[in-house]
Each structure stands twice: as C-alpha cells, then as structure tokens.
Amino acid sequence: MMLPIDVTIRKAASDDYQGILDVMRPWNMHHVPSPEMPEIDMNCFFVAVRGKEIVGASGYAIQSDGTAKTTLLGVLPAFNGTGIGKELQLARMREIHTLGVRSLVTNADRPEVIAWYQRNFGYRPIGYVKKVMSFGDPDLDQWTTLQTDLYEFFDDQPSRETHRQAYIEANDPPPLGPYQPLVINVCLTGMIPQKEFTAYVPVHPEEIITQAVEAHDLGASIVHLHARNHDGTPTSNPAVFEQIISGIRRERPDLICCATTSGRGGLSFEERAAVLHLEGNAKPDMASLTLSSLNFNTGPSVNGPSTIERLAQTMKEQGIKPELEIFDAGMINFARYLERHRIIGGTKYFNILLGGISSAPATIHSLSYLVQSLPGNSIWSAAGLGGFQLPMNTISMAAGGHVRVGLEDNVYFDAARTRLATNADLVRRVVRAAKLLERPIASVQETRRLLGLGTTISQHKMKY
C-alpha cells in the first residue's frame, strides 16, 4: 500500500513531543510518563507528517539483553487504512535491524491489531502481561506479547512481496490488481455503411489506409478491415485487400491488420478464404472468424460448421490468428470444439458483440456470463452494436476487457442519433474514458505480446 501523496515519514525531532502525544490520545495511549510508558526517547521515534501536522508516530527501545521492544504506534483515526501505520512499523523495524538486533517484542491488546502484526510482520504470540493501569483499550486488562525475528523477516521480505504482488495480479480486480493496457480494435468500414448515408465511412483503399493510420496515432493497435468495390459495395477480392494492407504497412508497419472473412452476402468458402492467402506485406496478422450463423437487421450471416472449421484450418496453416467473433453463448461452445481438436489454440482473442437483433442483449448480465464462459487463456474485447457501443465499451474497460469501436458497428456519436461519428471520434472517446479509469492504452507492441503475435509480421507464427 502506498502512502498518501502528501504524507512523509521522518525521524522525530525534539519539538515533536506534543504532536506524538496528540496522535496517541484517541487510542488512550497518551499517558506519558506513566507506569505503562515511563518516557519517550525522541531519538528512537519516527513520525508521519502531513504539512506541519503529525498524523502518526512509532517508537522503540533497545533492551539490555540485545533484544528490542516497540513502544508506541498510532495513527490519527482519520488516517486509518491509508498505509501510514504499516510504513511507521517498517521504519522502526529497519532501524532496529541495522543495529544488529534480531528479536523484536511488541505488546498489543486489540485483536485486530494483533492480527495485523501477525499478518504483515511475522509476529507470533509468546505470552500475556497484565496491564498496570488503563492504557490502550480500556475494556481489555492484559497485553498479548508478540515476537518477530527481524533477520528472518527481512530475508523473506522480497519473496513475500513477490508472492503478494503475483497473487494480486492473478486474482484481484483493478484497481487493486493492475489493469492490462487497453487494446483498441477499430472496425473502420464494415459491409453496410454507405457514402450516401455518412460521408465519414472509408470505402476506397486510400481512405481506409488514411483512417487506419489516424486510428493508430490516436491509440488503436488493431484495425479490422473490410474491402469495397469502386461503387462502394462489399468485395472479398484479395487484390483490394492487398492494396489496403500493404498501404497500411507502408505507413505504420507494425499496426495489426485483421481481415474479415464475413459470412454476409452469400460468398463461397473460396471467396471468403482468398484474403488468407496473401503474402509478404499484404499478409494479414489476424482474420475474423464468426463462430455460428446469425441474423442482422439487413440479412443473415451464414457460417455453417464445416465452413467455420475450414476457415480456422486455413488460418492455422497460413499462420494467421483468428479474431473469434461471438454474439451468443453457443458460439463459445464452438470455439471450445475447435480448441479441443487443436484447430485453434494458444492465446485466444474474442470479440464479444452485443445488442443485435439476434445476439445476446447489450447488458452487464450478458457480458458477465459470456466472459465467464470463455475458455482459459482468452483475451476479450466487447462491442455494442448501434447505440450500445459506448455502454459496452465502458463496461468492458472497467471490467478489465478490451474494446472494439468503429463505424462498422455504429455510425452515430450519440444515442439520440443527432451527430454522425467518425472513426477518429470514436477512438478519441474511448481514450478519454480510459484515462478517467486510469487505464493505460496498449501500444501495438504490447498488443502483439499480449496476443502472442510476433513483434513484426515477418516474425508472426501461431502456436497451437
């Protein structure tokens, strides 16, 4: 636990005496001198200071037999839980340790304080001492005597802290555990938006290249690519994809390019798979793989089991990572089937798309259920279709997932549909939201490492 930014720990000075007693007063430990606490040796005290105010203090005394005993430790009640007490305890333990003292004894009365010493500092109970006056908790008439071995504690401290941090990272939610850097995946074009409806949708290769570069420079690390004919209609022509991908690589060589193999429009397997056979600078890093058939408002996306399997096999053969698109729970079952048969494997990347006419609804409940249903070693992004884009992106960011944004999923910037969006608008909004959540944005190289891609396209090899 880090100290509050405006609090510092230092050795006590001679004029800190009254401030130390003021800290101990709320805990009934200010009776100094007394039979319980004869006097304060200011040379053996530390104070926590905020501005000119003492907000915490701790002390110790070296015993004649070469052991040490803690004297007072207190923090003003308003600062409980801030980590000040822990840092004051560590400060006196370090100083005692540097003096060559091995055994440190502490008396405590409150059960929660006894547990705190045991949990954090390796203490064990060794006996009890009767109080000689009202000191500390007035309802308790004895001290529990605790002892810790400073040599063992400091020898074990690095491994103990490493274990603690690893456990937090593996098990505890942000912000206690660290957020993964946020992967922003931008679906620039899609198959549906037309220039006649929104001038902002990129349909020609140079437009797509320009907007991919802009998205990258704003924080995106993946671009999800569709190709269009000269008249704006969708195409699976690999020559158009080659122009787009090689153009992006010319401007931003490391940007992750994900090509669609969409099942919308009645294309044959051969047409859908053609982009997977591009080579060199035109070879996609990733390709979309929708894991079942489903309906959109404008028509079906047909993805039969054999077609999905053949596409996945082709991606595996070509060293292209699947972008696993799921709209409902059954699609996760198919991903498990593919992994069971070693057709997909390694770190799996799922896009969860919610809010469509035949997909799971765009709710926290749906997203939570789908995320918990994913197989092990999975990375996931969430997208909301239409007006659900911002809510699903925000929920995903807060929950530790990643995001998909872009005009393919939503051409409007606002839920009331009063303003047409640009891809740059949508990326900027995600970046702003991530900053509010104090979540870093993943660089392209961080995303490549996270997904198990090579640092460049030439180094990319899938692991199954």
Protein backbone atom coordinates (compact mmCIF):
# COMPACT_ATOMS: atom_id res chain seq x y z
CA MET A 1 0.00 0.00 0.00
CA MET A 2 1.36 3.41 -0.96
CA LEU A 3 1.37 6.38 1.41
CA PRO A 4 -0.95 9.30 0.67
CA ILE A 5 0.98 11.60 -1.65
CA ASP A 6 1.22 14.42 0.91
CA VAL A 7 2.45 12.31 3.88
CA THR A 8 6.12 11.66 4.65
CA ILE A 9 7.87 9.52 7.27
CA ARG A 10 10.89 11.00 9.10
CA LYS A 11 12.83 10.67 12.34
CA ALA A 12 11.26 12.58 15.21
CA ALA A 13 12.64 15.95 16.28
CA SER A 14 12.75 17.36 19.80
CA ASP A 15 9.74 19.62 19.22
CA ASP A 16 7.55 16.70 18.04
CA TYR A 17 6.82 15.52 21.59
CA GLN A 18 3.35 17.04 21.97
CA GLY A 19 2.37 16.05 18.44
CA ILE A 20 3.21 12.42 19.24
CA LEU A 21 1.03 12.50 22.36
CA ASP A 22 -1.82 14.07 20.38
CA VAL A 23 -1.69 11.14 17.95
CA MET A 24 -1.84 8.65 20.84
CA ARG A 25 -4.70 10.41 22.65
CA PRO A 26 -7.59 8.90 20.60
CA TRP A 27 -6.23 5.44 21.44
CA ASN A 28 -5.81 6.10 25.18
CA MET A 29 -2.03 5.77 24.86
CA HIS A 30 -1.11 9.35 25.73
CA HIS A 31 -0.45 8.71 29.44
CA VAL A 32 3.26 9.53 29.38
CA PRO A 33 5.07 9.32 31.68
CA SER A 34 3.17 6.54 33.49
CA PRO A 35 3.69 3.00 34.83
CA GLU A 36 2.83 1.69 31.35
CA MET A 37 5.04 4.12 29.41
CA PRO A 38 7.76 5.77 31.50
CA GLU A 39 9.04 8.27 28.93
CA ILE A 40 9.56 8.91 25.21
CA ASP A 41 13.09 8.71 23.82
CA MET A 42 12.83 11.07 20.85
CA ASN A 43 15.97 9.51 19.31
CA CYS A 44 14.03 6.25 18.86
CA PHE A 45 10.86 7.66 17.31
CA PHE A 46 9.51 8.16 13.82
CA VAL A 47 6.69 10.48 12.81
CA ALA A 48 4.36 10.66 9.82
CA VAL A 49 3.89 14.28 8.80
CA ARG A 50 1.25 15.93 6.62
CA GLY A 51 2.23 19.53 6.09
CA LYS A 52 3.10 20.66 9.61
CA GLU A 53 0.76 18.18 11.34
CA ILE A 54 1.94 14.92 12.86
CA VAL A 55 -0.60 12.27 11.86
CA GLY A 56 1.22 9.15 13.07
CA ALA A 57 4.16 8.04 15.21
CA SER A 58 6.08 4.92 16.23
CA GLY A 59 8.90 4.24 18.67
CA TYR A 60 11.15 1.54 20.08
CA ALA A 61 13.62 0.85 22.85
CA ILE A 62 16.73 -1.37 22.84
CA GLN A 63 16.76 -3.77 25.80
CA SER A 64 19.81 -4.72 27.83
CA ASP A 65 19.74 -8.32 26.60
CA GLY A 66 20.17 -7.24 22.97
CA THR A 67 16.50 -7.50 22.09
CA ALA A 68 14.31 -4.56 21.18
CA LYS A 69 10.82 -3.61 22.24
CA THR A 70 8.38 -1.39 20.42
CA THR A 71 6.89 1.39 22.50
CA LEU A 72 4.06 3.36 20.87
CA LEU A 73 2.47 3.12 17.44
CA GLY A 74 -0.54 5.20 16.49
CA VAL A 75 -2.18 6.99 13.60
CA LEU A 76 -4.92 9.60 13.83
CA PRO A 77 -8.29 7.85 13.26
CA ALA A 78 -8.96 9.86 10.10
CA PHE A 79 -5.88 8.23 8.53
CA ASN A 80 -6.68 4.61 9.36
CA GLY A 81 -6.36 2.33 6.33
CA THR A 82 -4.00 4.61 4.41
CA GLY A 83 -0.87 2.53 4.97
CA ILE A 84 0.75 5.04 7.33
CA GLY A 85 0.81 2.62 10.27
CA LYS A 86 2.48 -0.06 8.16
CA GLU A 87 5.20 2.32 6.97
CA LEU A 88 5.83 3.56 10.52
CA GLN A 89 6.20 -0.04 11.71
CA LEU A 90 8.59 -0.85 8.85
CA ALA A 91 10.64 2.29 9.57
CA ARG A 92 11.37 1.27 13.15
CA MET A 93 11.91 -2.38 12.19
CA ARG A 94 14.51 -1.36 9.59
CA GLU A 95 16.38 0.84 12.05
CA ILE A 96 16.39 -1.86 14.73
CA HIS A 97 17.60 -4.38 12.15
CA THR A 98 20.50 -2.13 11.11
CA LEU A 99 21.54 -2.00 14.78
CA GLY A 100 22.09 -5.78 14.65
CA VAL A 101 19.11 -6.66 16.85
CA ARG A 102 17.37 -9.89 15.94
CA SER A 103 14.43 -10.26 18.34
CA LEU A 104 11.70 -7.62 18.42
CA VAL A 105 8.93 -7.76 21.03
CA THR A 106 5.62 -5.91 20.85
CA ASN A 107 2.69 -5.68 23.26
CA ALA A 108 -0.78 -5.24 21.76
CA ASP A 109 -4.27 -5.50 23.18
CA ARG A 110 -6.84 -5.06 20.40
CA PRO A 111 -7.49 -8.33 18.47
CA GLU A 112 -7.46 -6.59 15.09
CA VAL A 113 -4.08 -5.02 15.88
CA ILE A 114 -2.65 -8.38 17.00
CA ALA A 115 -3.83 -9.94 13.73
CA TRP A 116 -2.30 -7.01 11.77
CA TYR A 117 1.13 -7.59 13.38
CA GLN A 118 0.94 -11.32 12.65
CA ARG A 119 -0.28 -10.90 9.07
CA ASN A 120 2.19 -8.27 7.96
CA PHE A 121 5.32 -8.64 10.08
CA GLY A 122 5.83 -12.29 11.02
CA TYR A 123 4.93 -11.96 14.69
CA ARG A 124 3.82 -14.86 16.88
CA PRO A 125 2.25 -14.71 20.38
CA ILE A 126 4.64 -15.69 23.20
CA GLY A 127 2.69 -14.72 26.33
CA TYR A 128 0.49 -12.25 28.17
CA VAL A 129 1.16 -9.32 30.51
CA LYS A 130 -1.33 -7.79 32.95
CA LYS A 131 -1.93 -4.07 32.45
CA VAL A 132 -0.96 -1.91 35.44
CA MET A 133 -3.31 0.96 34.54
CA SER A 134 -5.88 1.99 31.94
CA PHE A 135 -3.84 2.17 28.74
CA GLY A 136 -4.94 1.29 25.21
CA ASP A 137 -8.35 -0.40 25.00
CA PRO A 138 -10.00 0.31 28.40
CA ASP A 139 -12.12 -2.85 28.12
CA LEU A 140 -9.07 -5.13 27.97
CA ASP A 141 -6.93 -5.73 31.06
CA GLN A 142 -3.96 -7.53 29.52
CA TRP A 143 -1.43 -7.25 26.70
CA THR A 144 -0.65 -10.03 24.27
CA THR A 145 3.13 -10.21 23.91
CA LEU A 146 4.28 -10.83 20.35
CA GLN A 147 7.74 -11.56 19.00
CA THR A 148 9.25 -11.46 15.50
CA ASP A 149 12.66 -12.43 14.16
CA LEU A 150 13.97 -9.44 12.21
CA TYR A 151 16.63 -11.44 10.38
CA GLU A 152 14.05 -13.91 9.08
CA PHE A 153 11.55 -11.15 8.29
CA PHE A 154 13.91 -9.09 6.15
CA ASP A 155 15.45 -12.15 4.48
CA ASP A 156 11.98 -13.32 3.47
CA GLN A 157 10.54 -9.90 2.62
CA PRO A 158 11.41 -9.89 -1.13
CA SER A 159 9.86 -13.32 -1.79
CA ARG A 160 6.85 -12.48 0.38
CA GLU A 161 6.22 -9.26 -1.54
CA THR A 162 6.73 -11.02 -4.88
CA HIS A 163 4.14 -13.64 -3.87
CA ARG A 164 1.72 -10.98 -2.70
CA GLN A 165 2.01 -8.95 -5.88
CA ALA A 166 1.71 -12.00 -8.12
CA TYR A 167 -1.40 -13.09 -6.23
CA ILE A 168 -2.97 -9.65 -6.61
CA GLU A 169 -2.25 -9.59 -10.34
CA ALA A 170 -3.71 -13.06 -10.81
CA ASN A 171 -6.76 -12.80 -8.56
CA ASP A 172 -7.78 -9.29 -7.56
CA PRO A 173 -9.78 -6.88 -9.72
CA PRO A 174 -8.48 -3.45 -10.76
CA PRO A 175 -7.53 -1.07 -9.37
CA LEU A 176 -6.14 -3.34 -6.62
CA GLY A 177 -4.68 -5.51 -9.35
CA PRO A 178 -3.20 -3.69 -12.31
CA TYR A 179 -5.20 -3.12 -15.48
CA GLN A 180 -3.84 -4.67 -18.64
CA PRO A 181 -3.12 -1.93 -21.16
CA LEU A 182 -6.30 -1.37 -23.17
CA VAL A 183 -6.35 -2.86 -26.66
CA ILE A 184 -8.40 -0.71 -29.06
CA ASN A 185 -9.65 -2.55 -32.14
CA VAL A 186 -11.21 -0.29 -34.79
CA CYS A 187 -13.68 -1.69 -37.32
CA LEU A 188 -13.28 1.07 -39.88
CA THR A 189 -15.69 0.21 -42.68
CA GLY A 190 -17.82 -2.92 -42.40
CA MET A 191 -20.17 -4.09 -45.14
CA ILE A 192 -23.22 -1.90 -44.58
CA PRO A 193 -22.50 1.87 -44.13
CA GLN A 194 -22.55 3.73 -47.46
CA LYS A 195 -21.25 7.14 -48.50
CA GLU A 196 -24.79 8.22 -49.31
CA PHE A 197 -25.68 7.87 -45.62
CA THR A 198 -22.45 9.03 -43.98
CA ALA A 199 -19.58 10.67 -45.77
CA TYR A 200 -17.27 9.62 -42.94
CA VAL A 201 -17.18 5.92 -43.73
CA PRO A 202 -13.97 4.98 -45.60
CA VAL A 203 -14.68 2.78 -48.63
CA HIS A 204 -11.84 3.39 -51.07
CA PRO A 205 -8.43 1.87 -50.22
CA GLU A 206 -6.69 5.21 -49.72
CA GLU A 207 -9.46 6.38 -47.38
CA ILE A 208 -9.20 3.18 -45.37
CA ILE A 209 -5.41 3.50 -45.19
CA THR A 210 -5.64 7.13 -44.07
CA GLN A 211 -8.16 6.36 -41.35
CA ALA A 212 -6.20 3.30 -40.18
CA VAL A 213 -3.12 5.49 -39.74
CA GLU A 214 -5.15 8.11 -37.87
CA ALA A 215 -6.69 5.47 -35.60
CA HIS A 216 -3.23 4.08 -34.85
CA ASP A 217 -1.88 7.51 -33.98
CA LEU A 218 -4.80 8.10 -31.62
CA GLY A 219 -4.20 4.84 -29.74
CA ALA A 220 -5.62 1.91 -31.73
CA SER A 221 -3.43 -1.16 -32.12
CA ILE A 222 -5.72 -3.34 -34.30
CA VAL A 223 -7.66 -2.37 -37.42
CA HIS A 224 -10.47 -4.69 -38.54
CA LEU A 225 -10.63 -4.40 -42.31
CA HIS A 226 -13.34 -4.78 -44.95
CA ALA A 227 -12.85 -4.07 -48.65
CA ARG A 228 -15.23 -2.35 -51.08
CA ASN A 229 -15.65 -2.16 -54.84
CA HIS A 230 -15.41 1.17 -56.65
CA ASP A 231 -19.19 1.56 -56.29
CA GLY A 232 -18.97 1.07 -52.51
CA THR A 233 -20.37 -2.46 -52.41
CA PRO A 234 -18.54 -5.12 -50.35
CA THR A 235 -15.91 -7.28 -52.01
CA SER A 236 -13.74 -10.21 -51.00
CA ASN A 237 -11.31 -9.50 -53.87
CA PRO A 238 -7.84 -10.21 -52.44
CA ALA A 239 -6.31 -7.61 -54.76
CA VAL A 240 -8.25 -4.87 -52.94
CA PHE A 241 -7.23 -6.25 -49.56
CA GLU A 242 -3.63 -6.38 -50.78
CA GLN A 243 -3.80 -2.70 -51.69
CA ILE A 244 -5.24 -1.80 -48.28
CA ILE A 245 -2.96 -3.90 -46.07
CA SER A 246 0.25 -3.13 -47.95
CA GLY A 247 -0.68 0.56 -47.88
CA ILE A 248 -1.18 0.46 -44.10
CA ARG A 249 2.12 -1.38 -43.66
CA ARG A 250 3.85 1.26 -45.75
CA GLU A 251 2.71 3.95 -43.30
CA ARG A 252 2.56 2.05 -39.98
CA PRO A 253 4.48 -1.22 -40.42
CA ASP A 254 3.61 -2.77 -37.06
CA LEU A 255 -0.11 -1.92 -36.89
CA ILE A 256 -2.06 -5.19 -36.53
CA CYS A 257 -4.22 -5.81 -39.60
CA CYS A 258 -7.24 -8.08 -39.19
CA ALA A 259 -9.06 -9.01 -42.43
CA THR A 260 -12.70 -10.05 -42.48
CA THR A 261 -13.87 -13.45 -43.69
CA SER A 262 -17.51 -12.44 -43.17
CA GLY A 263 -20.38 -14.79 -43.95
CA ARG A 264 -22.70 -11.98 -45.02
CA GLY A 265 -23.57 -11.68 -48.69
CA GLY A 266 -23.66 -15.34 -49.71
CA LEU A 267 -19.98 -15.71 -50.57
CA SER A 268 -18.42 -19.10 -51.19
CA PHE A 269 -15.75 -20.55 -48.93
CA GLU A 270 -13.12 -19.85 -51.60
CA GLU A 271 -14.13 -16.19 -51.82
CA ARG A 272 -14.11 -15.78 -48.07
CA ALA A 273 -10.74 -17.51 -47.66
CA ALA A 274 -8.98 -15.72 -50.53
CA VAL A 275 -7.58 -12.97 -48.26
CA LEU A 276 -5.90 -15.62 -46.11
CA HIS A 277 -3.52 -16.50 -48.93
CA LEU A 278 -1.98 -13.04 -49.30
CA GLU A 279 1.73 -12.93 -48.66
CA GLY A 280 4.52 -10.52 -47.73
CA ASN A 281 3.45 -7.05 -46.62
CA ALA A 282 -0.14 -7.84 -47.62
CA LYS A 283 -0.49 -10.84 -45.31
CA PRO A 284 -2.97 -10.13 -42.52
CA ASP A 285 -1.88 -10.68 -38.91
CA MET A 286 -5.39 -11.77 -38.00
CA ALA A 287 -8.69 -12.68 -39.63
CA SER A 288 -12.23 -12.65 -38.31
CA LEU A 289 -13.92 -15.97 -37.60
CA THR A 290 -17.62 -15.78 -36.73
CA LEU A 291 -18.47 -18.94 -34.82
CA SER A 292 -22.07 -19.54 -35.95
CA SER A 293 -24.76 -18.25 -38.28
CA LEU A 294 -26.91 -15.35 -37.13
CA ASN A 295 -29.28 -12.69 -38.39
CA PHE A 296 -28.68 -8.96 -38.70
CA ASN A 297 -31.35 -6.36 -39.48
CA THR A 298 -30.25 -6.37 -43.11
CA GLY A 299 -29.97 -10.14 -43.54
CA PRO A 300 -28.18 -13.27 -42.39
CA SER A 301 -24.54 -14.06 -41.79
CA VAL A 302 -24.27 -17.71 -42.79
CA ASN A 303 -21.49 -19.66 -41.09
CA GLY A 304 -22.00 -23.41 -41.28
CA PRO A 305 -19.90 -25.70 -39.08
CA SER A 306 -17.79 -27.04 -41.94
CA THR A 307 -17.12 -23.54 -43.29
CA ILE A 308 -16.02 -22.28 -39.87
CA GLU A 309 -13.74 -25.27 -39.44
CA ARG A 310 -12.22 -24.89 -42.90
CA LEU A 311 -11.58 -21.19 -42.36
CA ALA A 312 -9.97 -21.92 -38.99
CA GLN A 313 -7.81 -24.64 -40.54
CA THR A 314 -6.70 -22.29 -43.30
CA MET A 315 -5.79 -19.60 -40.75
CA LYS A 316 -3.77 -22.15 -38.83
CA GLU A 317 -1.95 -23.29 -41.99
CA GLN A 318 -1.22 -19.69 -43.00
CA GLY A 319 -0.09 -18.57 -39.52
CA ILE A 320 -2.94 -16.07 -39.15
CA LYS A 321 -4.53 -15.55 -35.74
CA PRO A 322 -8.33 -15.88 -35.58
CA GLU A 323 -10.32 -12.94 -34.26
CA LEU A 324 -13.07 -15.06 -32.69
CA GLU A 325 -16.37 -13.21 -33.04
CA ILE A 326 -19.16 -14.29 -30.72
CA PHE A 327 -22.69 -12.92 -30.47
CA ASP A 328 -24.13 -15.51 -28.08
CA ALA A 329 -23.14 -18.32 -25.73
CA GLY A 330 -23.40 -21.15 -28.25
CA MET A 331 -20.57 -19.63 -30.27
CA ILE A 332 -18.25 -20.14 -27.31
CA ASN A 333 -19.13 -23.83 -27.40
CA PHE A 334 -17.89 -23.94 -30.99
CA ALA A 335 -14.64 -22.25 -30.00
CA ARG A 336 -14.14 -24.96 -27.39
CA TYR A 337 -14.83 -27.58 -30.05
CA LEU A 338 -12.16 -26.06 -32.30
CA GLU A 339 -9.66 -25.90 -29.47
CA ARG A 340 -10.44 -29.45 -28.39
CA HIS A 341 -9.44 -30.60 -31.86
CA ARG A 342 -6.34 -28.34 -31.89
CA ILE A 343 -7.66 -26.24 -34.75
CA ILE A 344 -7.27 -23.11 -32.63
CA GLY A 345 -5.10 -22.69 -29.56
CA GLY A 346 -2.64 -20.61 -27.64
CA THR A 347 -3.83 -17.20 -26.52
CA LYS A 348 -7.31 -16.76 -27.97
CA TYR A 349 -8.75 -13.36 -28.84
CA PHE A 350 -12.54 -13.00 -28.60
CA ASN A 351 -14.68 -10.11 -29.78
CA ILE A 352 -18.00 -10.14 -27.92
CA LEU A 353 -20.62 -8.24 -29.95
CA LEU A 354 -23.88 -7.49 -28.15
CA GLY A 355 -27.15 -5.73 -28.85
CA GLY A 356 -28.05 -7.08 -32.29
CA ILE A 357 -31.49 -8.34 -33.30
CA SER A 358 -30.47 -11.99 -32.80
CA SER A 359 -27.49 -11.69 -30.48
CA ALA A 360 -27.29 -11.58 -26.70
CA PRO A 361 -28.62 -8.30 -25.31
CA ALA A 362 -26.19 -5.50 -24.50
CA THR A 363 -26.36 -5.83 -20.71
CA ILE A 364 -23.87 -6.30 -17.90
CA HIS A 365 -25.51 -9.66 -17.18
CA SER A 366 -24.95 -10.92 -20.72
CA LEU A 367 -21.37 -9.69 -20.90
CA SER A 368 -20.52 -11.15 -17.49
CA TYR A 369 -21.99 -14.55 -18.42
CA LEU A 370 -20.18 -14.70 -21.74
CA VAL A 371 -16.83 -13.65 -20.27
CA GLN A 372 -17.11 -16.26 -17.52
CA SER A 373 -17.90 -18.87 -20.19
CA LEU A 374 -14.73 -18.26 -22.20
CA PRO A 375 -12.08 -20.99 -22.22
CA GLY A 376 -8.80 -20.50 -20.42
CA ASN A 377 -6.05 -18.33 -21.87
CA SER A 378 -8.54 -15.97 -23.53
CA ILE A 379 -8.32 -12.23 -24.17
CA TRP A 380 -11.63 -10.49 -24.81
CA SER A 381 -12.98 -7.26 -26.20
CA ALA A 382 -16.56 -6.04 -26.02
CA ALA A 383 -18.54 -4.13 -28.62
CA GLY A 384 -22.10 -2.83 -28.59
CA LEU A 385 -23.96 -2.58 -31.87
CA GLY A 386 -25.52 0.80 -32.66
CA GLY A 387 -26.25 2.92 -29.61
CA PHE A 388 -24.96 0.17 -27.33
CA GLN A 389 -21.37 0.82 -28.39
CA LEU A 390 -20.40 3.32 -25.68
CA PRO A 391 -22.06 1.46 -22.75
CA MET A 392 -20.46 -1.85 -23.71
CA ASN A 393 -17.07 -0.25 -24.34
CA THR A 394 -17.20 1.47 -20.95
CA ILE A 395 -18.29 -1.66 -19.06
CA SER A 396 -15.56 -3.66 -20.76
CA MET A 397 -12.87 -1.12 -19.90
CA ALA A 398 -13.92 -1.05 -16.23
CA ALA A 399 -14.08 -4.86 -16.07
CA GLY A 400 -10.59 -5.32 -17.46
CA GLY A 401 -11.58 -6.29 -21.01
CA HIS A 402 -10.69 -4.52 -24.23
CA VAL A 403 -12.78 -2.66 -26.80
CA ARG A 404 -13.90 -2.72 -30.39
CA VAL A 405 -15.13 0.58 -31.82
CA GLY A 406 -15.80 1.94 -35.27
CA LEU A 407 -18.28 2.87 -37.97
CA GLU A 408 -18.97 -0.76 -38.89
CA ASP A 409 -20.84 -1.11 -35.59
CA ASN A 410 -22.16 2.41 -35.06
CA VAL A 411 -22.32 5.41 -37.40
CA TYR A 412 -23.65 7.81 -34.75
CA PHE A 413 -21.68 9.50 -31.99
CA ASP A 414 -24.63 9.96 -29.63
CA ALA A 415 -27.50 7.72 -28.56
CA ALA A 416 -30.07 10.24 -29.81
CA ARG A 417 -28.61 9.96 -33.33
CA THR A 418 -28.16 13.68 -33.79
CA ARG A 419 -24.49 13.54 -34.80
CA LEU A 420 -22.70 11.29 -37.26
CA ALA A 421 -19.45 9.87 -35.91
CA THR A 422 -16.04 9.48 -37.43
CA ASN A 423 -13.71 6.62 -36.61
CA ALA A 424 -11.35 9.16 -35.04
CA ASP A 425 -14.20 10.48 -32.84
CA LEU A 426 -14.93 7.00 -31.54
CA VAL A 427 -11.27 6.23 -30.78
CA ARG A 428 -10.76 9.57 -29.02
CA ARG A 429 -13.82 8.93 -26.84
CA VAL A 430 -12.51 5.52 -25.76
CA VAL A 431 -9.10 7.01 -24.97
CA ARG A 432 -10.73 9.73 -22.84
CA ALA A 433 -12.79 7.15 -20.95
CA ALA A 434 -9.71 5.00 -20.37
CA LYS A 435 -7.88 7.98 -18.90
CA LEU A 436 -10.77 8.59 -16.49
CA LEU A 437 -10.47 4.96 -15.41
CA GLU A 438 -6.68 5.44 -15.09
CA ARG A 439 -6.17 2.63 -17.57
CA PRO A 440 -3.17 2.77 -19.92
CA ILE A 441 -3.60 2.36 -23.69
CA ALA A 442 -1.80 -0.62 -25.23
CA SER A 443 0.82 0.13 -27.81
CA VAL A 444 0.97 -2.03 -30.92
CA GLN A 445 3.96 -3.91 -29.50
CA GLU A 446 2.20 -4.51 -26.18
CA THR A 447 -0.83 -5.84 -28.07
CA ARG A 448 1.36 -8.14 -30.15
CA ARG A 449 2.91 -9.57 -26.99
CA LEU A 450 -0.49 -9.91 -25.30
CA LEU A 451 -2.00 -11.81 -28.24
CA GLY A 452 1.06 -13.94 -28.92
CA LEU A 453 1.86 -12.29 -32.25
CA GLY A 454 5.39 -11.62 -33.41
CA THR A 455 6.73 -8.12 -32.96
CA THR A 456 6.54 -7.77 -36.74
CA ILE A 457 4.55 -9.58 -39.41
CA SER A 458 7.64 -11.47 -40.55
CA GLN A 459 8.12 -12.90 -37.05
CA HIS A 460 4.46 -13.87 -36.57
CA LYS A 461 3.98 -17.59 -36.03
CA MET A 462 0.87 -19.10 -34.47
CA LYS A 463 1.32 -21.55 -31.60
CA TYR A 464 -1.13 -24.43 -31.26
